[in-house]
Amino acid sequence: MLIKTIGFAAAALSTLSFLPQVVKSLRTRCLEDINLLFLVMLIAGLALWTVYGFLLMQWPLIVANVVTLALNLVLLVLKLRYKGKGHGTH
């Protein structure tokens, strides 16, 4: 039980660390400082971690990576949508 609690705590902290960036990006529409290749590679890695979690049936891996994947997909959509439009404040 302690091991799963540690896993879920680590997953929650890692996942929630992306939330302030998503909120800020939605608010300002400014994603100039977020590298597109970084987002694509991160999303690919998160997708693979999700598959790995399902193969092992490890719920901390599955939940954390599905939520983090969703948050980063939002960032990717915003990055592509507002690319070169000069939106946001610095």
C-alpha atoms as a PDB file:
ATOM      1  CA  MET A   1       0.000   0.000   0.000  1.00  0.00           C
ATOM      2  CA  LEU A   2       2.837   2.408   0.842  1.00  0.00           C
ATOM      3  CA  ILE A   3       4.443   1.806  -2.543  1.00  0.00           C
ATOM      4  CA  LYS A   4       1.238   2.709  -4.408  1.00  0.00           C
ATOM      5  CA  THR A   5       0.764   5.792  -2.222  1.00  0.00           C
ATOM      6  CA  ILE A   6       4.279   6.957  -3.085  1.00  0.00           C
ATOM      7  CA  GLY A   7       3.595   6.238  -6.759  1.00  0.00           C
ATOM      8  CA  PHE A   8       0.358   8.209  -6.783  1.00  0.00           C
ATOM      9  CA  ALA A   9       1.970  11.107  -4.882  1.00  0.00           C
ATOM     10  CA  ALA A  10       4.861  11.246  -7.364  1.00  0.00           C
ATOM     11  CA  ALA A  11       2.424  11.005 -10.256  1.00  0.00           C
ATOM     12  CA  ALA A  12       0.226  13.783  -8.867  1.00  0.00           C
ATOM     13  CA  LEU A  13       3.127  16.173  -8.326  1.00  0.00           C
ATOM     14  CA  SER A  14       4.678  15.465 -11.734  1.00  0.00           C
ATOM     15  CA  THR A  15       1.351  15.815 -13.504  1.00  0.00           C
ATOM     16  CA  LEU A  16       0.172  18.917 -11.666  1.00  0.00           C
ATOM     17  CA  SER A  17       3.464  20.655 -12.434  1.00  0.00           C
ATOM     18  CA  PHE A  18       2.160  21.197 -15.987  1.00  0.00           C
ATOM     19  CA  LEU A  19      -1.096  22.807 -14.874  1.00  0.00           C
ATOM     20  CA  PRO A  20       0.284  26.331 -14.205  1.00  0.00           C
ATOM     21  CA  GLN A  21       1.821  26.411 -17.699  1.00  0.00           C
ATOM     22  CA  VAL A  22      -1.432  25.315 -19.328  1.00  0.00           C
ATOM     23  CA  VAL A  23      -3.436  27.915 -17.385  1.00  0.00           C
ATOM     24  CA  LYS A  24      -0.933  30.663 -18.232  1.00  0.00           C
ATOM     25  CA  SER A  25      -0.894  29.649 -21.902  1.00  0.00           C
ATOM     26  CA  LEU A  26      -4.689  29.664 -22.080  1.00  0.00           C
ATOM     27  CA  ARG A  27      -4.794  33.071 -20.416  1.00  0.00           C
ATOM     28  CA  THR A  28      -2.025  34.820 -22.369  1.00  0.00           C
ATOM     29  CA  ARG A  29      -2.095  32.877 -25.640  1.00  0.00           C
ATOM     30  CA  CYS A  30       1.678  33.308 -25.655  1.00  0.00           C
ATOM     31  CA  LEU A  31       3.667  30.128 -26.242  1.00  0.00           C
ATOM     32  CA  GLU A  32       6.741  31.568 -27.939  1.00  0.00           C
ATOM     33  CA  ASP A  33       9.098  30.187 -25.297  1.00  0.00           C
ATOM     34  CA  ILE A  34       7.770  26.630 -25.569  1.00  0.00           C
ATOM     35  CA  ASN A  35       9.717  24.640 -28.124  1.00  0.00           C
ATOM     36  CA  LEU A  36       7.565  22.671 -30.578  1.00  0.00           C
ATOM     37  CA  LEU A  37      10.030  19.771 -30.825  1.00  0.00           C
ATOM     38  CA  PHE A  38      10.081  19.550 -27.012  1.00  0.00           C
ATOM     39  CA  LEU A  39       6.282  19.228 -26.943  1.00  0.00           C
ATOM     40  CA  VAL A  40       6.190  16.613 -29.698  1.00  0.00           C
ATOM     41  CA  MET A  41       8.898  14.504 -28.057  1.00  0.00           C
ATOM     42  CA  LEU A  42       7.282  14.829 -24.626  1.00  0.00           C
ATOM     43  CA  ILE A  43       3.865  13.815 -25.978  1.00  0.00           C
ATOM     44  CA  ALA A  44       5.377  10.784 -27.736  1.00  0.00           C
ATOM     45  CA  GLY A  45       7.148   9.770 -24.532  1.00  0.00           C
ATOM     46  CA  LEU A  46       4.001  10.203 -22.460  1.00  0.00           C
ATOM     47  CA  ALA A  47       2.030   8.086 -24.937  1.00  0.00           C
ATOM     48  CA  LEU A  48       4.631   5.318 -24.639  1.00  0.00           C
ATOM     49  CA  TRP A  49       4.630   5.564 -20.823  1.00  0.00           C
ATOM     50  CA  THR A  50       0.834   5.207 -20.931  1.00  0.00           C
ATOM     51  CA  VAL A  51       1.080   2.062 -23.059  1.00  0.00           C
ATOM     52  CA  TYR A  52       3.774   0.722 -20.730  1.00  0.00           C
ATOM     53  CA  GLY A  53       1.530   1.410 -17.737  1.00  0.00           C
ATOM     54  CA  PHE A  54      -1.334  -0.487 -19.354  1.00  0.00           C
ATOM     55  CA  LEU A  55       0.925  -3.419 -20.194  1.00  0.00           C
ATOM     56  CA  LEU A  56       1.991  -3.608 -16.537  1.00  0.00           C
ATOM     57  CA  MET A  57      -1.464  -2.590 -15.233  1.00  0.00           C
ATOM     58  CA  GLN A  58       0.177   0.031 -13.019  1.00  0.00           C
ATOM     59  CA  TRP A  59      -2.481   2.639 -12.265  1.00  0.00           C
ATOM     60  CA  PRO A  60      -0.117   5.374 -11.024  1.00  0.00           C
ATOM     61  CA  LEU A  61       1.678   5.244 -14.391  1.00  0.00           C
ATOM     62  CA  ILE A  62      -1.545   5.117 -16.365  1.00  0.00           C
ATOM     63  CA  VAL A  63      -3.362   7.938 -14.574  1.00  0.00           C
ATOM     64  CA  ALA A  64      -0.381  10.268 -14.381  1.00  0.00           C
ATOM     65  CA  ASN A  65       0.575   9.842 -17.997  1.00  0.00           C
ATOM     66  CA  VAL A  66      -2.955  10.102 -19.386  1.00  0.00           C
ATOM     67  CA  VAL A  67      -3.561  13.377 -17.524  1.00  0.00           C
ATOM     68  CA  THR A  68      -0.107  14.758 -18.358  1.00  0.00           C
ATOM     69  CA  LEU A  69      -0.599  13.722 -21.981  1.00  0.00           C
ATOM     70  CA  ALA A  70      -3.913  15.590 -22.091  1.00  0.00           C
ATOM     71  CA  LEU A  71      -2.376  18.744 -20.580  1.00  0.00           C
ATOM     72  CA  ASN A  72       0.472  18.696 -23.069  1.00  0.00           C
ATOM     73  CA  LEU A  73      -1.865  18.088 -25.987  1.00  0.00           C
ATOM     74  CA  VAL A  74      -3.649  21.286 -24.940  1.00  0.00           C
ATOM     75  CA  LEU A  75      -0.285  23.084 -25.014  1.00  0.00           C
ATOM     76  CA  LEU A  76       0.468  21.636 -28.457  1.00  0.00           C
ATOM     77  CA  VAL A  77      -2.891  22.752 -29.862  1.00  0.00           C
ATOM     78  CA  LEU A  78      -2.394  26.227 -28.410  1.00  0.00           C
ATOM     79  CA  LYS A  79       1.172  26.372 -29.740  1.00  0.00           C
ATOM     80  CA  LEU A  80       0.005  25.498 -33.249  1.00  0.00           C
ATOM     81  CA  ARG A  81      -3.063  27.723 -33.075  1.00  0.00           C
ATOM     82  CA  TYR A  82      -1.276  30.866 -31.924  1.00  0.00           C
ATOM     83  CA  LYS A  83       1.998  30.322 -33.789  1.00  0.00           C
ATOM     84  CA  GLY A  84       3.245  33.584 -35.231  1.00  0.00           C
ATOM     85  CA  LYS A  85       0.125  35.557 -34.313  1.00  0.00           C
ATOM     86  CA  GLY A  86       1.836  37.753 -31.712  1.00  0.00           C
ATOM     87  CA  HIS A  87      -0.780  37.043 -29.058  1.00  0.00           C
ATOM     88  CA  GLY A  88      -0.158  37.461 -25.377  1.00  0.00           C
ATOM     89  CA  THR A  89       1.679  39.691 -23.033  1.00  0.00           C
ATOM     90  CA  HIS A  90       5.169  39.190 -21.691  1.00  0.00           C
END
